[in-house]
Amino acid sequence: MLAQVNRITLGSDYKSVVRRGVRVVGPHIVTYLRRSTTAPGPDAPARFGFIVAKNVGNAVRRNRVRRRLKAASFALLDSVPPGTDIVFRALPAAYAAEWFELTSEVQHGVTNAVTKGHRPR
């Protein structure tokens, strides 16, 4: 389970990550990554947010997808650079995805977004 310090809770933070972050699209989820602006510094924790809209299904399906995304992101907590905000937006196909598919897609999305986001410009 993700600790409170590792969760994005403000709507403005979600909005800034989705609008200004690096985007990686997969078959089941869209990953957005942005360096944190609210808590800058090397000691700032990595934070995760989850968007699971009604197009994924009813409340039971949405909560299942959200729990699975949280568990997959908890496993990546050590590999994400400090001070990074990551938002996962579930697509309708996320509910039917197997656990292995979803976790590998989360890992692939984060890896690609970190690579894109930290490229020298």
PDB file of N, CA and C in Angstrom:
ATOM      1  N   MET A   1       0.836  -1.184   0.000  1.00  0.00           N
ATOM      2  CA  MET A   1       0.000   0.000   0.000  1.00  0.00           C
ATOM      3  C   MET A   1       0.875   1.240   0.000  1.00  0.00           C
ATOM      4  N   LEU A   2       0.502   2.206  -0.762  1.00  0.00           N
ATOM      5  CA  LEU A   2       1.260   3.450  -0.834  1.00  0.00           C
ATOM      6  C   LEU A   2       1.006   4.303   0.400  1.00  0.00           C
ATOM      7  N   ALA A   3       2.063   4.865   0.966  1.00  0.00           N
ATOM      8  CA  ALA A   3       1.923   5.769   2.107  1.00  0.00           C
ATOM      9  C   ALA A   3       1.336   7.089   1.637  1.00  0.00           C
ATOM     10  N   GLN A   4       0.800   7.848   2.559  1.00  0.00           N
ATOM     11  CA  GLN A   4       0.187   9.140   2.240  1.00  0.00           C
ATOM     12  C   GLN A   4       1.176  10.069   1.541  1.00  0.00           C
ATOM     13  N   VAL A   5       2.434  10.015   1.966  1.00  0.00           N
ATOM     14  CA  VAL A   5       3.454  10.896   1.391  1.00  0.00           C
ATOM     15  C   VAL A   5       3.736  10.543  -0.076  1.00  0.00           C
ATOM     16  N   ASN A   6       3.378   9.333  -0.505  1.00  0.00           N
ATOM     17  CA  ASN A   6       3.615   8.890  -1.876  1.00  0.00           C
ATOM     18  C   ASN A   6       2.379   8.986  -2.755  1.00  0.00           C
ATOM     19  N   ARG A   7       1.366   9.745  -2.313  1.00  0.00           N
ATOM     20  CA  ARG A   7       0.147   9.885  -3.098  1.00  0.00           C
ATOM     21  C   ARG A   7      -0.074  11.337  -3.497  1.00  0.00           C
ATOM     22  N   ILE A   8      -0.564  11.532  -4.702  1.00  0.00           N
ATOM     23  CA  ILE A   8      -0.982  12.855  -5.150  1.00  0.00           C
ATOM     24  C   ILE A   8      -2.425  13.019  -4.692  1.00  0.00           C
ATOM     25  N   THR A   9      -2.694  14.080  -3.935  1.00  0.00           N
ATOM     26  CA  THR A   9      -4.035  14.245  -3.387  1.00  0.00           C
ATOM     27  C   THR A   9      -4.753  15.491  -3.890  1.00  0.00           C
ATOM     28  N   LEU A  10      -4.027  16.472  -4.368  1.00  0.00           N
ATOM     29  CA  LEU A  10      -4.648  17.713  -4.817  1.00  0.00           C
ATOM     30  C   LEU A  10      -4.997  17.660  -6.302  1.00  0.00           C
ATOM     31  N   GLY A  11      -6.161  18.172  -6.638  1.00  0.00           N
ATOM     32  CA  GLY A  11      -6.584  18.218  -8.032  1.00  0.00           C
ATOM     33  C   GLY A  11      -5.660  19.062  -8.893  1.00  0.00           C
ATOM     34  N   SER A  12      -5.106  20.122  -8.313  1.00  0.00           N
ATOM     35  CA  SER A  12      -4.190  20.971  -9.079  1.00  0.00           C
ATOM     36  C   SER A  12      -2.904  20.223  -9.430  1.00  0.00           C
ATOM     37  N   ASP A  13      -2.464  19.326  -8.549  1.00  0.00           N
ATOM     38  CA  ASP A  13      -1.281  18.525  -8.850  1.00  0.00           C
ATOM     39  C   ASP A  13      -1.565  17.536  -9.977  1.00  0.00           C
ATOM     40  N   TYR A  14      -2.747  16.895  -9.929  1.00  0.00           N
ATOM     41  CA  TYR A  14      -3.151  16.007 -11.020  1.00  0.00           C
ATOM     42  C   TYR A  14      -3.158  16.771 -12.340  1.00  0.00           C
ATOM     43  N   LYS A  15      -3.766  17.936 -12.319  1.00  0.00           N
ATOM     44  CA  LYS A  15      -3.905  18.735 -13.530  1.00  0.00           C
ATOM     45  C   LYS A  15      -2.543  19.118 -14.106  1.00  0.00           C
ATOM     46  N   SER A  16      -1.610  19.528 -13.256  1.00  0.00           N
ATOM     47  CA  SER A  16      -0.297  19.938 -13.754  1.00  0.00           C
ATOM     48  C   SER A  16       0.480  18.761 -14.324  1.00  0.00           C
ATOM     49  N   VAL A  17       0.358  17.586 -13.711  1.00  0.00           N
ATOM     50  CA  VAL A  17       1.072  16.414 -14.234  1.00  0.00           C
ATOM     51  C   VAL A  17       0.498  16.003 -15.577  1.00  0.00           C
ATOM     52  N   VAL A  18      -0.827  15.984 -15.681  1.00  0.00           N
ATOM     53  CA  VAL A  18      -1.464  15.540 -16.925  1.00  0.00           C
ATOM     54  C   VAL A  18      -1.246  16.558 -18.046  1.00  0.00           C
ATOM     55  N   ARG A  19      -1.319  17.840 -17.729  1.00  0.00           N
ATOM     56  CA  ARG A  19      -1.188  18.857 -18.776  1.00  0.00           C
ATOM     57  C   ARG A  19       0.257  19.121 -19.188  1.00  0.00           C
ATOM     58  N   ARG A  20       1.176  19.094 -18.253  1.00  0.00           N
ATOM     59  CA  ARG A  20       2.554  19.484 -18.559  1.00  0.00           C
ATOM     60  C   ARG A  20       3.561  18.337 -18.503  1.00  0.00           C
ATOM     61  N   GLY A  21       3.092  17.156 -18.153  1.00  0.00           N
ATOM     62  CA  GLY A  21       4.001  16.037 -18.001  1.00  0.00           C
ATOM     63  C   GLY A  21       4.274  15.307 -19.302  1.00  0.00           C
ATOM     64  N   VAL A  22       5.228  14.404 -19.235  1.00  0.00           N
ATOM     65  CA  VAL A  22       5.556  13.528 -20.355  1.00  0.00           C
ATOM     66  C   VAL A  22       4.507  12.422 -20.389  1.00  0.00           C
ATOM     67  N   ARG A  23       4.012  12.074 -21.583  1.00  0.00           N
ATOM     68  CA  ARG A  23       2.949  11.082 -21.720  1.00  0.00           C
ATOM     69  C   ARG A  23       3.461   9.856 -22.458  1.00  0.00           C
ATOM     70  N   VAL A  24       3.122   8.689 -21.912  1.00  0.00           N
ATOM     71  CA  VAL A  24       3.420   7.414 -22.560  1.00  0.00           C
ATOM     72  C   VAL A  24       2.112   6.634 -22.627  1.00  0.00           C
ATOM     73  N   VAL A  25       1.701   6.263 -23.840  1.00  0.00           N
ATOM     74  CA  VAL A  25       0.418   5.582 -24.055  1.00  0.00           C
ATOM     75  C   VAL A  25       0.660   4.096 -24.257  1.00  0.00           C
ATOM     76  N   GLY A  26      -0.107   3.294 -23.543  1.00  0.00           N
ATOM     77  CA  GLY A  26      -0.063   1.848 -23.683  1.00  0.00           C
ATOM     78  C   GLY A  26      -1.449   1.325 -24.013  1.00  0.00           C
ATOM     79  N   PRO A  27      -1.594   0.031 -24.185  1.00  0.00           N
ATOM     80  CA  PRO A  27      -2.906  -0.529 -24.533  1.00  0.00           C
ATOM     81  C   PRO A  27      -3.929  -0.476 -23.394  1.00  0.00           C
ATOM     82  N   HIS A  28      -3.458  -0.410 -22.138  1.00  0.00           N
ATOM     83  CA  HIS A  28      -4.380  -0.428 -21.001  1.00  0.00           C
ATOM     84  C   HIS A  28      -4.331   0.831 -20.137  1.00  0.00           C
ATOM     85  N   ILE A  29      -3.201   1.529 -20.137  1.00  0.00           N
ATOM     86  CA  ILE A  29      -3.061   2.725 -19.315  1.00  0.00           C
ATOM     87  C   ILE A  29      -2.274   3.797 -20.051  1.00  0.00           C
ATOM     88  N   VAL A  30      -2.474   5.035 -19.621  1.00  0.00           N
ATOM     89  CA  VAL A  30      -1.669   6.159 -20.083  1.00  0.00           C
ATOM     90  C   VAL A  30      -0.891   6.647 -18.867  1.00  0.00           C
ATOM     91  N   THR A  31       0.416   6.788 -19.027  1.00  0.00           N
ATOM     92  CA  THR A  31       1.283   7.211 -17.938  1.00  0.00           C
ATOM     93  C   THR A  31       1.737   8.638 -18.184  1.00  0.00           C
ATOM     94  N   TYR A  32       1.585   9.484 -17.162  1.00  0.00           N
ATOM     95  CA  TYR A  32       2.049  10.867 -17.206  1.00  0.00           C
ATOM     96  C   TYR A  32       3.106  11.039 -16.120  1.00  0.00           C
ATOM     97  N   LEU A  33       4.211  11.697 -16.444  1.00  0.00           N
ATOM     98  CA  LEU A  33       5.285  11.903 -15.482  1.00  0.00           C
ATOM     99  C   LEU A  33       5.750  13.342 -15.538  1.00  0.00           C
ATOM    100  N   ARG A  34       5.971  13.922 -14.368  1.00  0.00           N
ATOM    101  CA  ARG A  34       6.476  15.285 -14.272  1.00  0.00           C
ATOM    102  C   ARG A  34       7.298  15.413 -13.003  1.00  0.00           C
ATOM    103  N   ARG A  35       8.371  16.171 -13.092  1.00  0.00           N
ATOM    104  CA  ARG A  35       9.141  16.482 -11.889  1.00  0.00           C
ATOM    105  C   ARG A  35       8.254  17.308 -10.966  1.00  0.00           C
ATOM    106  N   SER A  36       8.261  17.010  -9.687  1.00  0.00           N
ATOM    107  CA  SER A  36       7.386  17.677  -8.730  1.00  0.00           C
ATOM    108  C   SER A  36       7.726  19.150  -8.593  1.00  0.00           C
ATOM    109  N   THR A  37       6.681  19.979  -8.545  1.00  0.00           N
ATOM    110  CA  THR A  37       6.883  21.415  -8.345  1.00  0.00           C
ATOM    111  C   THR A  37       6.484  21.832  -6.939  1.00  0.00           C
ATOM    112  N   THR A  38       5.710  20.996  -6.237  1.00  0.00           N
ATOM    113  CA  THR A  38       5.257  21.367  -4.899  1.00  0.00           C
ATOM    114  C   THR A  38       6.302  21.070  -3.835  1.00  0.00           C
ATOM    115  N   ALA A  39       7.101  20.053  -4.028  1.00  0.00           N
ATOM    116  CA  ALA A  39       8.117  19.700  -3.034  1.00  0.00           C
ATOM    117  C   ALA A  39       9.456  19.449  -3.726  1.00  0.00           C
ATOM    118  N   PRO A  40      10.105  20.497  -4.222  1.00  0.00           N
ATOM    119  CA  PRO A  40      11.352  20.288  -4.941  1.00  0.00           C
ATOM    120  C   PRO A  40      12.466  19.857  -4.004  1.00  0.00           C
ATOM    121  N   GLY A  41      13.470  19.257  -4.570  1.00  0.00           N
ATOM    122  CA  GLY A  41      14.621  18.842  -3.784  1.00  0.00           C
ATOM    123  C   GLY A  41      14.863  17.353  -3.915  1.00  0.00           C
ATOM    124  N   PRO A  42      16.072  16.920  -3.579  1.00  0.00           N
ATOM    125  CA  PRO A  42      16.409  15.507  -3.729  1.00  0.00           C
ATOM    126  C   PRO A  42      15.734  14.615  -2.689  1.00  0.00           C
ATOM    127  N   ASP A  43      15.261  15.196  -1.581  1.00  0.00           N
ATOM    128  CA  ASP A  43      14.619  14.397  -0.540  1.00  0.00           C
ATOM    129  C   ASP A  43      13.113  14.280  -0.731  1.00  0.00           C
ATOM    130  N   ALA A  44      12.566  14.913  -1.761  1.00  0.00           N
ATOM    131  CA  ALA A  44      11.123  14.847  -2.016  1.00  0.00           C
ATOM    132  C   ALA A  44      10.772  13.431  -2.481  1.00  0.00           C
ATOM    133  N   PRO A  45       9.708  12.862  -1.945  1.00  0.00           N
ATOM    134  CA  PRO A  45       9.343  11.501  -2.342  1.00  0.00           C
ATOM    135  C   PRO A  45       8.703  11.464  -3.723  1.00  0.00           C
ATOM    136  N   ALA A  46       8.760  10.315  -4.349  1.00  0.00           N
ATOM    137  CA  ALA A  46       8.019  10.097  -5.587  1.00  0.00           C
ATOM    138  C   ALA A  46       6.550   9.961  -5.209  1.00  0.00           C
ATOM    139  N   ARG A  47       5.662  10.565  -6.023  1.00  0.00           N
ATOM    140  CA  ARG A  47       4.231  10.513  -5.723  1.00  0.00           C
ATOM    141  C   ARG A  47       3.477   9.937  -6.912  1.00  0.00           C
ATOM    142  N   PHE A  48       2.422   9.188  -6.606  1.00  0.00           N
ATOM    143  CA  PHE A  48       1.613   8.537  -7.621  1.00  0.00           C
ATOM    144  C   PHE A  48       0.159   8.985  -7.504  1.00  0.00           C
ATOM    145  N   GLY A  49      -0.512   9.071  -8.653  1.00  0.00           N
ATOM    146  CA  GLY A  49      -1.931   9.375  -8.708  1.00  0.00           C
ATOM    147  C   GLY A  49      -2.596   8.444  -9.709  1.00  0.00           C
ATOM    148  N   PHE A  50      -3.894   8.239  -9.523  1.00  0.00           N
ATOM    149  CA  PHE A  50      -4.618   7.274 -10.349  1.00  0.00           C
ATOM    150  C   PHE A  50      -5.938   7.884 -10.803  1.00  0.00           C
ATOM    151  N   ILE A  51      -6.189   7.795 -12.108  1.00  0.00           N
ATOM    152  CA  ILE A  51      -7.443   8.274 -12.684  1.00  0.00           C
ATOM    153  C   ILE A  51      -8.122   7.060 -13.319  1.00  0.00           C
ATOM    154  N   VAL A  52      -9.247   6.682 -12.754  1.00  0.00           N
ATOM    155  CA  VAL A  52     -10.016   5.557 -13.289  1.00  0.00           C
ATOM    156  C   VAL A  52     -11.437   6.069 -13.494  1.00  0.00           C
ATOM    157  N   ALA A  53     -11.761   6.397 -14.729  1.00  0.00           N
ATOM    158  CA  ALA A  53     -13.042   7.016 -15.058  1.00  0.00           C
ATOM    159  C   ALA A  53     -14.153   5.973 -15.198  1.00  0.00           C
ATOM    160  N   LYS A  54     -15.369   6.460 -15.337  1.00  0.00           N
ATOM    161  CA  LYS A  54     -16.529   5.580 -15.432  1.00  0.00           C
ATOM    162  C   LYS A  54     -16.551   4.730 -16.691  1.00  0.00           C
ATOM    163  N   ASN A  55     -15.761   5.109 -17.691  1.00  0.00           N
ATOM    164  CA  ASN A  55     -15.750   4.297 -18.911  1.00  0.00           C
ATOM    165  C   ASN A  55     -15.047   2.948 -18.694  1.00  0.00           C
ATOM    166  N   VAL A  56     -14.352   2.778 -17.567  1.00  0.00           N
ATOM    167  CA  VAL A  56     -13.716   1.503 -17.230  1.00  0.00           C
ATOM    168  C   VAL A  56     -14.774   0.503 -16.762  1.00  0.00           C
ATOM    169  N   GLY A  57     -15.827   0.980 -16.128  1.00  0.00           N
ATOM    170  CA  GLY A  57     -16.881   0.084 -15.665  1.00  0.00           C
ATOM    171  C   GLY A  57     -17.564   0.643 -14.437  1.00  0.00           C
ATOM    172  N   ASN A  58     -18.295  -0.231 -13.755  1.00  0.00           N
ATOM    173  CA  ASN A  58     -18.993   0.198 -12.547  1.00  0.00           C
ATOM    174  C   ASN A  58     -17.989   0.386 -11.398  1.00  0.00           C
ATOM    175  N   ALA A  59     -18.474   0.724 -10.219  1.00  0.00           N
ATOM    176  CA  ALA A  59     -17.594   1.039  -9.090  1.00  0.00           C
ATOM    177  C   ALA A  59     -16.709  -0.140  -8.697  1.00  0.00           C
ATOM    178  N   VAL A  60     -17.240  -1.348  -8.760  1.00  0.00           N
ATOM    179  CA  VAL A  60     -16.457  -2.527  -8.407  1.00  0.00           C
ATOM    180  C   VAL A  60     -15.274  -2.688  -9.360  1.00  0.00           C
ATOM    181  N   ARG A  61     -15.527  -2.546 -10.647  1.00  0.00           N
ATOM    182  CA  ARG A  61     -14.454  -2.674 -11.645  1.00  0.00           C
ATOM    183  C   ARG A  61     -13.427  -1.551 -11.510  1.00  0.00           C
ATOM    184  N   ARG A  62     -13.901  -0.322 -11.306  1.00  0.00           N
ATOM    185  CA  ARG A  62     -12.978   0.809 -11.168  1.00  0.00           C
ATOM    186  C   ARG A  62     -12.078   0.638  -9.948  1.00  0.00           C
ATOM    187  N   ASN A  63     -12.660   0.218  -8.828  1.00  0.00           N
ATOM    188  CA  ASN A  63     -11.862   0.032  -7.624  1.00  0.00           C
ATOM    189  C   ASN A  63     -10.862  -1.110  -7.768  1.00  0.00           C
ATOM    190  N   ARG A  64     -11.236  -2.150  -8.481  1.00  0.00           N
ATOM    191  CA  ARG A  64     -10.300  -3.255  -8.715  1.00  0.00           C
ATOM    192  C   ARG A  64      -9.102  -2.775  -9.546  1.00  0.00           C
ATOM    193  N   VAL A  65      -9.385  -2.021 -10.587  1.00  0.00           N
ATOM    194  CA  VAL A  65      -8.304  -1.494 -11.424  1.00  0.00           C
ATOM    195  C   VAL A  65      -7.420  -0.551 -10.610  1.00  0.00           C
ATOM    196  N   ARG A  66      -8.017   0.307  -9.801  1.00  0.00           N
ATOM    197  CA  ARG A  66      -7.254   1.246  -8.972  1.00  0.00           C
ATOM    198  C   ARG A  66      -6.360   0.495  -7.978  1.00  0.00           C
ATOM    199  N   ARG A  67      -6.886  -0.527  -7.332  1.00  0.00           N
ATOM    200  CA  ARG A  67      -6.088  -1.324  -6.384  1.00  0.00           C
ATOM    201  C   ARG A  67      -4.920  -2.001  -7.080  1.00  0.00           C
ATOM    202  N   ARG A  68      -5.160  -2.519  -8.269  1.00  0.00           N
ATOM    203  CA  ARG A  68      -4.090  -3.192  -9.013  1.00  0.00           C
ATOM    204  C   ARG A  68      -3.006  -2.198  -9.437  1.00  0.00           C
ATOM    205  N   LEU A  69      -3.415  -1.003  -9.858  1.00  0.00           N
ATOM    206  CA  LEU A  69      -2.436   0.020 -10.233  1.00  0.00           C
ATOM    207  C   LEU A  69      -1.630   0.478  -9.018  1.00  0.00           C
ATOM    208  N   LYS A  70      -2.273   0.610  -7.875  1.00  0.00           N
ATOM    209  CA  LYS A  70      -1.566   0.993  -6.651  1.00  0.00           C
ATOM    210  C   LYS A  70      -0.537  -0.059  -6.265  1.00  0.00           C
ATOM    211  N   ALA A  71      -0.907  -1.329  -6.354  1.00  0.00           N
ATOM    212  CA  ALA A  71       0.018  -2.408  -6.007  1.00  0.00           C
ATOM    213  C   ALA A  71       1.203  -2.437  -6.977  1.00  0.00           C
ATOM    214  N   ALA A  72       0.942  -2.236  -8.247  1.00  0.00           N
ATOM    215  CA  ALA A  72       2.028  -2.235  -9.235  1.00  0.00           C
ATOM    216  C   ALA A  72       2.955  -1.048  -9.030  1.00  0.00           C
ATOM    217  N   SER A  73       2.408   0.112  -8.671  1.00  0.00           N
ATOM    218  CA  SER A  73       3.253   1.287  -8.459  1.00  0.00           C
ATOM    219  C   SER A  73       4.039   1.172  -7.160  1.00  0.00           C
ATOM    220  N   PHE A  74       3.499   0.513  -6.154  1.00  0.00           N
ATOM    221  CA  PHE A  74       4.241   0.302  -4.904  1.00  0.00           C
ATOM    222  C   PHE A  74       5.517  -0.494  -5.168  1.00  0.00           C
ATOM    223  N   ALA A  75       5.440  -1.453  -6.075  1.00  0.00           N
ATOM    224  CA  ALA A  75       6.614  -2.253  -6.413  1.00  0.00           C
ATOM    225  C   ALA A  75       7.697  -1.422  -7.103  1.00  0.00           C
ATOM    226  N   LEU A  76       7.312  -0.322  -7.744  1.00  0.00           N
ATOM    227  CA  LEU A  76       8.257   0.530  -8.470  1.00  0.00           C
ATOM    228  C   LEU A  76       8.792   1.692  -7.636  1.00  0.00           C
ATOM    229  N   LEU A  77       8.360   1.812  -6.413  1.00  0.00           N
ATOM    230  CA  LEU A  77       8.674   2.977  -5.591  1.00  0.00           C
ATOM    231  C   LEU A  77      10.178   3.244  -5.480  1.00  0.00           C
ATOM    232  N   ASP A  78      10.973   2.199  -5.367  1.00  0.00           N
ATOM    233  CA  ASP A  78      12.418   2.375  -5.219  1.00  0.00           C
ATOM    234  C   ASP A  78      13.119   2.765  -6.518  1.00  0.00           C
ATOM    235  N   SER A  79      12.502   2.448  -7.659  1.00  0.00           N
ATOM    236  CA  SER A  79      13.159   2.716  -8.938  1.00  0.00           C
ATOM    237  C   SER A  79      12.801   4.070  -9.543  1.00  0.00           C
ATOM    238  N   VAL A  80      11.856   4.786  -8.934  1.00  0.00           N
ATOM    239  CA  VAL A  80      11.440   6.096  -9.445  1.00  0.00           C
ATOM    240  C   VAL A  80      12.307   7.178  -8.807  1.00  0.00           C
ATOM    241  N   PRO A  81      12.825   8.115  -9.611  1.00  0.00           N
ATOM    242  CA  PRO A  81      13.655   9.185  -9.044  1.00  0.00           C
ATOM    243  C   PRO A  81      12.882  10.022  -8.026  1.00  0.00           C
ATOM    244  N   PRO A  82      13.535  10.474  -6.969  1.00  0.00           N
ATOM    245  CA  PRO A  82      12.856  11.312  -5.976  1.00  0.00           C
ATOM    246  C   PRO A  82      12.341  12.608  -6.611  1.00  0.00           C
ATOM    247  N   GLY A  83      11.253  13.109  -6.082  1.00  0.00           N
ATOM    248  CA  GLY A  83      10.686  14.360  -6.581  1.00  0.00           C
ATOM    249  C   GLY A  83       9.938  14.219  -7.886  1.00  0.00           C
ATOM    250  N   THR A  84       9.483  13.017  -8.209  1.00  0.00           N
ATOM    251  CA  THR A  84       8.771  12.763  -9.452  1.00  0.00           C
ATOM    252  C   THR A  84       7.300  12.494  -9.155  1.00  0.00           C
ATOM    253  N   ASP A  85       6.423  13.110  -9.946  1.00  0.00           N
ATOM    254  CA  ASP A  85       4.989  12.843  -9.849  1.00  0.00           C
ATOM    255  C   ASP A  85       4.570  12.017 -11.047  1.00  0.00           C
ATOM    256  N   ILE A  86       3.841  10.928 -10.798  1.00  0.00           N
ATOM    257  CA  ILE A  86       3.384  10.038 -11.860  1.00  0.00           C
ATOM    258  C   ILE A  86       1.886   9.833 -11.705  1.00  0.00           C
ATOM    259  N   VAL A  87       1.157   9.988 -12.813  1.00  0.00           N
ATOM    260  CA  VAL A  87      -0.284   9.744 -12.826  1.00  0.00           C
ATOM    261  C   VAL A  87      -0.563   8.660 -13.856  1.00  0.00           C
ATOM    262  N   PHE A  88      -1.347   7.661 -13.443  1.00  0.00           N
ATOM    263  CA  PHE A  88      -1.800   6.611 -14.345  1.00  0.00           C
ATOM    264  C   PHE A  88      -3.272   6.839 -14.632  1.00  0.00           C
ATOM    265  N   ARG A  89      -3.621   6.883 -15.930  1.00  0.00           N
ATOM    266  CA  ARG A  89      -5.022   6.977 -16.335  1.00  0.00           C
ATOM    267  C   ARG A  89      -5.394   5.651 -16.975  1.00  0.00           C
ATOM    268  N   ALA A  90      -6.351   4.958 -16.377  1.00  0.00           N
ATOM    269  CA  ALA A  90      -6.767   3.650 -16.877  1.00  0.00           C
ATOM    270  C   ALA A  90      -7.674   3.812 -18.089  1.00  0.00           C
ATOM    271  N   LEU A  91      -7.435   3.004 -19.080  1.00  0.00           N
ATOM    272  CA  LEU A  91      -8.288   2.942 -20.255  1.00  0.00           C
ATOM    273  C   LEU A  91      -9.326   1.835 -20.051  1.00  0.00           C
ATOM    274  N   PRO A  92     -10.411   1.814 -20.818  1.00  0.00           N
ATOM    275  CA  PRO A  92     -11.453   0.798 -20.608  1.00  0.00           C
ATOM    276  C   PRO A  92     -10.936  -0.649 -20.658  1.00  0.00           C
ATOM    277  N   ALA A  93      -9.889  -0.909 -21.406  1.00  0.00           N
ATOM    278  CA  ALA A  93      -9.353  -2.270 -21.512  1.00  0.00           C
ATOM    279  C   ALA A  93      -8.579  -2.704 -20.268  1.00  0.00           C
ATOM    280  N   ALA A  94      -8.343  -1.805 -19.327  1.00  0.00           N
ATOM    281  CA  ALA A  94      -7.538  -2.132 -18.140  1.00  0.00           C
ATOM    282  C   ALA A  94      -8.205  -3.179 -17.268  1.00  0.00           C
ATOM    283  N   TYR A  95      -9.521  -3.209 -17.229  1.00  0.00           N
ATOM    284  CA  TYR A  95     -10.207  -4.172 -16.379  1.00  0.00           C
ATOM    285  C   TYR A  95      -9.954  -5.606 -16.836  1.00  0.00           C
ATOM    286  N   ALA A  96      -9.903  -5.819 -18.143  1.00  0.00           N
ATOM    287  CA  ALA A  96      -9.728  -7.166 -18.684  1.00  0.00           C
ATOM    288  C   ALA A  96      -8.267  -7.600 -18.722  1.00  0.00           C
ATOM    289  N   ALA A  97      -7.349  -6.715 -18.399  1.00  0.00           N
ATOM    290  CA  ALA A  97      -5.928  -7.044 -18.467  1.00  0.00           C
ATOM    291  C   ALA A  97      -5.534  -7.994 -17.339  1.00  0.00           C
ATOM    292  N   GLU A  98      -4.658  -8.924 -17.666  1.00  0.00           N
ATOM    293  CA  GLU A  98      -4.107  -9.823 -16.654  1.00  0.00           C
ATOM    294  C   GLU A  98      -3.138  -9.051 -15.769  1.00  0.00           C
ATOM    295  N   TRP A  99      -2.892  -9.560 -14.575  1.00  0.00           N
ATOM    296  CA  TRP A  99      -2.014  -8.905 -13.608  1.00  0.00           C
ATOM    297  C   TRP A  99      -0.612  -8.690 -14.202  1.00  0.00           C
ATOM    298  N   PHE A 100      -0.060  -9.720 -14.855  1.00  0.00           N
ATOM    299  CA  PHE A 100       1.274  -9.602 -15.433  1.00  0.00           C
ATOM    300  C   PHE A 100       1.314  -8.518 -16.505  1.00  0.00           C
ATOM    301  N   GLU A 101       0.294  -8.462 -17.352  1.00  0.00           N
ATOM    302  CA  GLU A 101       0.233  -7.433 -18.399  1.00  0.00           C
ATOM    303  C   GLU A 101       0.210  -6.031 -17.792  1.00  0.00           C
ATOM    304  N   LEU A 102      -0.630  -5.862 -16.784  1.00  0.00           N
ATOM    305  CA  LEU A 102      -0.785  -4.545 -16.172  1.00  0.00           C
ATOM    306  C   LEU A 102       0.500  -4.094 -15.468  1.00  0.00           C
ATOM    307  N   THR A 103       1.127  -4.988 -14.722  1.00  0.00           N
ATOM    308  CA  THR A 103       2.358  -4.606 -14.018  1.00  0.00           C
ATOM    309  C   THR A 103       3.497  -4.325 -14.989  1.00  0.00           C
ATOM    310  N   SER A 104       3.602  -5.117 -16.045  1.00  0.00           N
ATOM    311  CA  SER A 104       4.664  -4.851 -17.015  1.00  0.00           C
ATOM    312  C   SER A 104       4.403  -3.562 -17.780  1.00  0.00           C
ATOM    313  N   GLU A 105       3.137  -3.248 -18.031  1.00  0.00           N
ATOM    314  CA  GLU A 105       2.816  -1.990 -18.703  1.00  0.00           C
ATOM    315  C   GLU A 105       3.099  -0.782 -17.804  1.00  0.00           C
ATOM    316  N   VAL A 106       2.807  -0.915 -16.509  1.00  0.00           N
ATOM    317  CA  VAL A 106       3.124   0.156 -15.556  1.00  0.00           C
ATOM    318  C   VAL A 106       4.633   0.380 -15.525  1.00  0.00           C
ATOM    319  N   GLN A 107       5.388  -0.693 -15.421  1.00  0.00           N
ATOM    320  CA  GLN A 107       6.848  -0.574 -15.379  1.00  0.00           C
ATOM    321  C   GLN A 107       7.391   0.007 -16.682  1.00  0.00           C
ATOM    322  N   HIS A 108       6.884  -0.453 -17.798  1.00  0.00           N
ATOM    323  CA  HIS A 108       7.330   0.040 -19.104  1.00  0.00           C
ATOM    324  C   HIS A 108       6.988   1.525 -19.261  1.00  0.00           C
ATOM    325  N   GLY A 109       5.778   1.915 -18.853  1.00  0.00           N
ATOM    326  CA  GLY A 109       5.367   3.315 -18.955  1.00  0.00           C
ATOM    327  C   GLY A 109       6.224   4.228 -18.109  1.00  0.00           C
ATOM    328  N   VAL A 110       6.518   3.818 -16.882  1.00  0.00           N
ATOM    329  CA  VAL A 110       7.355   4.638 -15.996  1.00  0.00           C
ATOM    330  C   VAL A 110       8.776   4.729 -16.536  1.00  0.00           C
ATOM    331  N   THR A 111       9.325   3.624 -16.977  1.00  0.00           N
ATOM    332  CA  THR A 111      10.684   3.623 -17.520  1.00  0.00           C
ATOM    333  C   THR A 111      10.797   4.540 -18.736  1.00  0.00           C
ATOM    334  N   ASN A 112       9.832   4.433 -19.651  1.00  0.00           N
ATOM    335  CA  ASN A 112       9.855   5.287 -20.844  1.00  0.00           C
ATOM    336  C   ASN A 112       9.644   6.748 -20.498  1.00  0.00           C
ATOM    337  N   ALA A 113       8.750   7.024 -19.562  1.00  0.00           N
ATOM    338  CA  ALA A 113       8.479   8.413 -19.184  1.00  0.00           C
ATOM    339  C   ALA A 113       9.693   9.039 -18.481  1.00  0.00           C
ATOM    340  N   VAL A 114      10.368   8.281 -17.640  1.00  0.00           N
ATOM    341  CA  VAL A 114      11.579   8.792 -16.979  1.00  0.00           C
ATOM    342  C   VAL A 114      12.650   9.075 -18.013  1.00  0.00           C
ATOM    343  N   THR A 115      12.789   8.183 -18.982  1.00  0.00           N
ATOM    344  CA  THR A 115      13.782   8.385 -20.039  1.00  0.00           C
ATOM    345  C   THR A 115      13.456   9.630 -20.875  1.00  0.00           C
ATOM    346  N   LYS A 116      12.181   9.783 -21.249  1.00  0.00           N
ATOM    347  CA  LYS A 116      11.770  10.954 -22.035  1.00  0.00           C
ATOM    348  C   LYS A 116      11.870  12.236 -21.219  1.00  0.00           C
ATOM    349  N   GLY A 117      11.470  12.177 -19.960  1.00  0.00           N
ATOM    350  CA  GLY A 117      11.409  13.367 -19.115  1.00  0.00           C
ATOM    351  C   GLY A 117      12.749  13.911 -18.681  1.00  0.00           C
ATOM    352  N   HIS A 118      13.782  13.088 -18.682  1.00  0.00           N
ATOM    353  CA  HIS A 118      15.084  13.536 -18.212  1.00  0.00           C
ATOM    354  C   HIS A 118      16.110  13.653 -19.337  1.00  0.00           C
ATOM    355  N   ARG A 119      15.604  13.705 -20.546  1.00  0.00           N
ATOM    356  CA  ARG A 119      16.466  13.882 -21.702  1.00  0.00           C
ATOM    357  C   ARG A 119      16.952  15.319 -21.771  1.00  0.00           C
ATOM    358  N   PRO A 120      18.240  15.564 -22.040  1.00  0.00           N
ATOM    359  CA  PRO A 120      18.696  16.957 -22.170  1.00  0.00           C
ATOM    360  C   PRO A 120      18.056  17.618 -23.373  1.00  0.00           C
ATOM    361  N   ARG A 121      17.692  18.905 -23.211  1.00  0.00           N
ATOM    362  CA  ARG A 121      17.020  19.624 -24.308  1.00  0.00           C
ATOM    363  C   ARG A 121      17.896  20.668 -24.885  1.00  0.00           C
TER     364      ARG A 121
END
